[in-house]
Protein backbone atom coordinates (compact mmCIF):
# COMPACT_ATOMS: atom_id res chain seq x y z
CA MET A 1 0.00 0.00 0.00
CA VAL A 2 1.23 3.47 -0.90
CA LEU A 3 0.07 6.51 1.08
CA ALA A 4 0.35 9.75 -0.89
CA ASP A 5 -0.13 13.31 0.36
CA GLY A 6 -3.49 14.07 -1.27
CA SER A 7 -6.95 13.50 0.20
CA ALA A 8 -7.71 10.00 1.47
CA PRO A 9 -11.07 8.44 2.31
CA SER A 10 -11.89 7.46 5.87
CA ARG A 11 -11.49 3.91 7.07
CA ALA A 12 -15.26 3.74 7.60
CA ALA A 13 -15.97 4.83 4.01
CA LEU A 14 -13.59 2.21 2.60
CA ASP A 15 -14.96 -0.57 4.79
CA ARG A 16 -18.51 0.37 3.85
CA ALA A 17 -17.90 0.60 0.12
CA TRP A 18 -15.32 -2.15 -0.40
CA PRO A 19 -15.28 -4.73 2.42
CA GLY A 20 -11.87 -6.38 2.57
CA TRP A 21 -10.21 -3.55 0.62
CA ASP A 22 -6.99 -3.98 2.62
CA ALA A 23 -6.85 -7.78 2.55
CA GLY A 24 -3.42 -9.13 1.70
CA ILE A 25 -1.56 -5.86 2.31
CA GLU A 26 1.93 -6.83 3.51
CA LEU A 27 3.88 -3.59 3.07
CA VAL A 28 2.86 0.01 3.70
CA ILE A 29 4.99 2.74 2.12
CA ALA A 30 4.35 6.40 2.89
CA ALA A 31 5.24 9.02 0.29
CA ASP A 32 6.37 12.07 2.31
CA GLY A 33 3.33 13.76 3.89
CA GLY A 34 1.18 10.74 3.10
CA ALA A 35 2.39 9.35 6.42
CA ARG A 36 -0.40 11.36 8.08
CA HIS A 37 -3.02 8.96 6.72
CA ALA A 38 -1.64 5.89 8.50
CA GLY A 39 -3.08 6.56 11.95
CA PRO A 40 -6.67 7.35 10.89
CA LEU A 41 -6.66 4.31 8.58
CA GLY A 42 -5.31 2.00 11.28
CA LEU A 43 -2.14 1.21 9.33
CA ARG A 44 1.47 0.83 10.41
CA ILE A 45 4.08 2.31 8.08
CA ASP A 46 6.96 0.04 7.10
CA ARG A 47 8.86 2.44 4.86
CA TRP A 48 8.91 6.16 4.18
CA VAL A 49 10.12 7.76 0.93
CA GLY A 50 10.35 11.46 0.15
CA ASP A 51 12.21 14.75 0.20
CA GLY A 52 10.62 15.81 3.48
CA ASP A 53 8.90 18.95 2.21
CA SER A 54 5.43 17.94 3.41
CA ILE A 55 6.09 16.28 6.77
CA ASP A 56 7.13 17.80 10.08
CA ALA A 57 10.75 17.01 10.95
CA GLY A 58 9.70 15.80 14.38
CA ASP A 59 7.13 13.42 12.90
CA LEU A 60 9.73 12.03 10.52
CA ALA A 61 12.18 11.52 13.37
CA ALA A 62 9.46 9.71 15.32
CA LEU A 63 8.87 7.37 12.38
CA ALA A 64 12.57 6.55 12.19
CA ALA A 65 12.72 5.99 15.95
CA SER A 66 9.82 3.54 15.71
CA GLY A 67 11.72 1.38 13.22
CA VAL A 68 10.31 2.70 9.95
CA VAL A 69 12.84 2.55 7.10
CA VAL A 70 13.40 6.17 6.01
CA GLU A 71 14.65 6.93 2.49
CA ARG A 72 15.34 10.65 2.15
CA VAL A 73 15.76 11.88 -1.43
CA PRO A 74 16.86 15.27 -2.84
CA SER A 75 14.16 17.87 -3.40
CA GLU A 76 15.37 18.36 -6.97
CA LYS A 77 14.52 15.04 -8.60
CA ASP A 78 12.99 13.56 -11.74
CA ALA A 79 10.12 11.67 -10.08
CA SER A 80 7.43 12.56 -7.55
CA ASP A 81 7.53 11.11 -4.05
CA THR A 82 4.47 9.03 -4.95
CA GLU A 83 6.15 7.58 -8.01
CA LEU A 84 9.24 6.74 -5.95
CA ALA A 85 7.03 4.97 -3.40
CA VAL A 86 5.35 2.92 -6.14
CA VAL A 87 8.76 2.02 -7.57
CA ALA A 88 9.84 0.95 -4.08
CA ALA A 89 6.78 -1.28 -3.84
CA LEU A 90 7.60 -2.93 -7.16
CA GLU A 91 11.22 -3.41 -6.16
CA ALA A 92 9.97 -5.12 -3.00
CA GLY A 93 8.10 -7.61 -5.20
CA ALA A 94 4.56 -6.29 -4.85
CA GLY A 95 2.07 -8.20 -6.98
CA SER A 96 -0.55 -5.51 -6.44
CA VAL A 97 -0.54 -1.88 -5.31
CA THR A 98 -3.24 0.06 -3.45
CA LEU A 99 -2.79 3.84 -3.60
CA LEU A 100 -4.49 6.15 -1.12
CA GLY A 101 -4.13 9.93 -1.05
CA GLY A 102 -3.25 10.09 -4.73
CA LEU A 103 -6.11 12.46 -5.59
CA GLY A 104 -7.56 15.64 -4.15
CA GLY A 105 -5.51 18.02 -2.08
CA VAL A 106 -4.32 21.41 -3.29
CA ARG A 107 -2.28 20.23 -6.29
CA LEU A 108 -4.28 19.26 -9.38
CA ASP A 109 -1.04 18.56 -11.24
CA HIS A 110 -0.08 15.90 -8.69
CA ALA A 111 -3.52 14.29 -8.98
CA LEU A 112 -3.27 14.09 -12.77
CA ALA A 113 0.28 12.78 -12.54
CA ASN A 114 -0.91 10.01 -10.20
CA VAL A 115 -3.63 8.96 -12.63
CA ALA A 116 -1.01 8.97 -15.39
CA LEU A 117 1.19 6.85 -13.13
CA LEU A 118 -1.37 4.04 -13.48
CA GLN A 119 -0.30 3.77 -17.13
CA ASP A 120 3.28 2.78 -16.28
CA PRO A 121 3.98 -0.38 -18.32
CA ALA A 122 5.62 -1.90 -15.23
CA LEU A 123 2.14 -2.03 -13.69
CA ASP A 124 0.35 -3.65 -16.63
CA ASP A 125 0.32 -7.17 -15.20
CA ARG A 126 -0.55 -6.13 -11.63
CA TRP A 127 -3.71 -5.08 -9.86
CA VAL A 128 -3.28 -1.39 -9.09
CA ARG A 129 -6.11 0.46 -7.37
CA LEU A 130 -6.33 4.14 -6.53
CA TYR A 131 -9.05 5.39 -4.16
CA ASP A 132 -10.25 8.98 -4.08
CA GLU A 133 -11.49 10.93 -1.06
CA GLN A 134 -15.04 9.58 -1.46
CA ALA A 135 -13.78 5.95 -1.79
CA ALA A 136 -14.35 5.75 -5.54
CA ARG A 137 -11.98 3.12 -6.94
CA LEU A 138 -9.81 3.62 -10.04
CA THR A 139 -8.24 0.67 -11.85
CA VAL A 140 -6.56 0.28 -15.23
CA VAL A 141 -7.22 -2.65 -17.55
CA ALA A 142 -4.23 -2.85 -19.89
CA ALA A 143 -3.74 -4.80 -23.10
CA PRO A 144 -0.59 -3.35 -24.67
CA GLY A 145 0.69 -5.02 -27.82
CA ASN A 146 -2.79 -6.34 -28.65
CA GLU A 147 -2.64 -8.92 -25.88
CA ALA A 148 -6.29 -9.16 -24.81
CA CYS A 149 -7.01 -8.67 -21.12
CA ALA A 150 -10.06 -9.23 -18.92
CA ARG A 151 -10.72 -8.24 -15.32
CA GLU A 152 -13.53 -8.86 -12.86
CA PHE A 153 -14.70 -6.07 -10.56
CA GLU A 154 -16.55 -7.01 -7.40
CA GLY A 155 -18.84 -4.48 -5.78
CA ARG A 156 -22.45 -3.63 -5.05
CA VAL A 157 -25.36 -3.64 -7.45
CA GLY A 158 -26.03 0.00 -8.30
CA ASP A 159 -22.40 1.15 -8.25
CA ILE A 160 -21.60 3.61 -11.04
CA VAL A 161 -18.94 2.16 -13.35
CA THR A 162 -17.26 4.47 -15.87
CA LEU A 163 -14.89 3.30 -18.61
CA LEU A 164 -12.47 5.86 -20.07
CA PRO A 165 -9.69 5.23 -22.61
CA LEU A 166 -6.20 6.35 -21.63
CA GLY A 167 -3.73 7.67 -24.18
CA SER A 168 -5.48 6.25 -27.24
CA ALA A 169 -8.66 4.50 -28.31
CA VAL A 170 -9.42 1.16 -26.63
CA ASP A 171 -10.61 -1.58 -28.99
CA GLY A 172 -12.67 -4.69 -28.45
CA VAL A 173 -14.37 -3.57 -25.23
CA GLU A 174 -16.75 -6.20 -23.88
CA THR A 175 -18.64 -6.00 -20.60
CA ALA A 176 -20.87 -8.21 -18.49
CA GLY A 177 -22.78 -7.36 -15.34
CA LEU A 178 -23.39 -3.76 -16.41
CA ARG A 179 -26.71 -2.17 -17.38
CA TYR A 180 -25.44 -0.89 -20.73
CA PRO A 181 -23.39 -3.72 -22.25
CA LEU A 182 -20.56 -3.23 -24.70
CA ALA A 183 -19.91 -5.99 -27.21
CA GLY A 184 -16.52 -5.64 -28.90
CA GLU A 185 -16.85 -1.88 -29.22
CA THR A 186 -14.21 0.83 -29.51
CA LEU A 187 -14.08 3.59 -26.92
CA ALA A 188 -12.57 6.62 -28.63
CA LEU A 189 -10.23 9.03 -26.88
CA GLY A 190 -11.96 12.26 -25.92
CA ARG A 191 -15.47 10.79 -26.06
CA SER A 192 -17.79 10.04 -23.14
CA ARG A 193 -19.31 6.80 -24.46
CA GLY A 194 -18.25 4.81 -21.38
CA LEU A 195 -19.47 7.29 -18.78
CA SER A 196 -21.90 6.33 -15.99
CA ASN A 197 -22.67 2.67 -16.55
CA VAL A 198 -24.28 0.80 -13.65
CA ARG A 199 -23.33 -2.51 -12.02
CA THR A 200 -26.23 -4.98 -12.19
CA GLU A 201 -24.41 -8.01 -10.76
CA PRO A 202 -22.11 -8.31 -7.73
CA VAL A 203 -19.26 -9.03 -10.15
CA ALA A 204 -18.86 -7.07 -13.38
CA ARG A 205 -16.46 -8.17 -16.12
CA VAL A 206 -14.53 -5.88 -18.46
CA ALA A 207 -12.43 -7.21 -21.33
CA ILE A 208 -10.43 -5.32 -23.95
CA ARG A 209 -8.44 -6.31 -27.04
CA SER A 210 -5.96 -3.41 -27.07
CA GLY A 211 -5.12 -0.19 -25.25
CA ARG A 212 -5.46 0.96 -21.66
CA LEU A 213 -8.86 1.48 -20.07
CA LEU A 214 -9.45 3.41 -16.85
CA VAL A 215 -12.28 1.85 -14.80
CA ILE A 216 -13.79 4.17 -12.18
CA GLU A 217 -16.22 2.57 -9.71
CA THR A 218 -18.25 5.01 -7.62
CA PRO A 219 -19.92 3.32 -4.66
CA ALA A 220 -23.71 3.16 -4.76
CA ASN A 221 -23.82 3.86 -1.03
CA LEU A 222 -22.22 7.30 -1.21
CA PRO A 223 -24.38 9.83 0.66
CA PRO A 224 -26.24 12.31 -1.57
């Protein structure tokens, strides 16, 4: 799990929307100020990565004193603290990555960069999920090189499920368990064809023939 310095949902919201969302988490990496989310979420940080510009020096010292591995990097660097934390997770052998705090906050550019981070080819064969402040879940289905890919998405009937192409058109989109089915269709870049579908079964299936597809699941139980 990677904790970034944006806005994170509450533990209660995650448990309500996605029971078992933290199952199987074996390593928690905080990206700089993202360490602040650990306590409210009931998580223990194993590793901290960052340049230290968004965490109090005393808090960072306390993390180190508690046994957290601290990796301080220069402020002038070619990758964000969040990207470095994701890279650290991959280097540790993570088969999946859950990202909290990657959206919201005061920096829109960081939020967009974190969504773009989901397109890293190194993540194509892994489950990578990003949750926003309201506990909406973002996942990428990737089929680079025309290697077809299918994923199943478990949730509640009534969840809003949006499908958006990333980078280029996505071909051969097929869905099951959604109110408005797609059967081998192309979702064109810059079009809203895949917006606001609805889950009709506890498990929805999304398959693509080529491209990268962003799947955004908004919980049906969000308050009005």
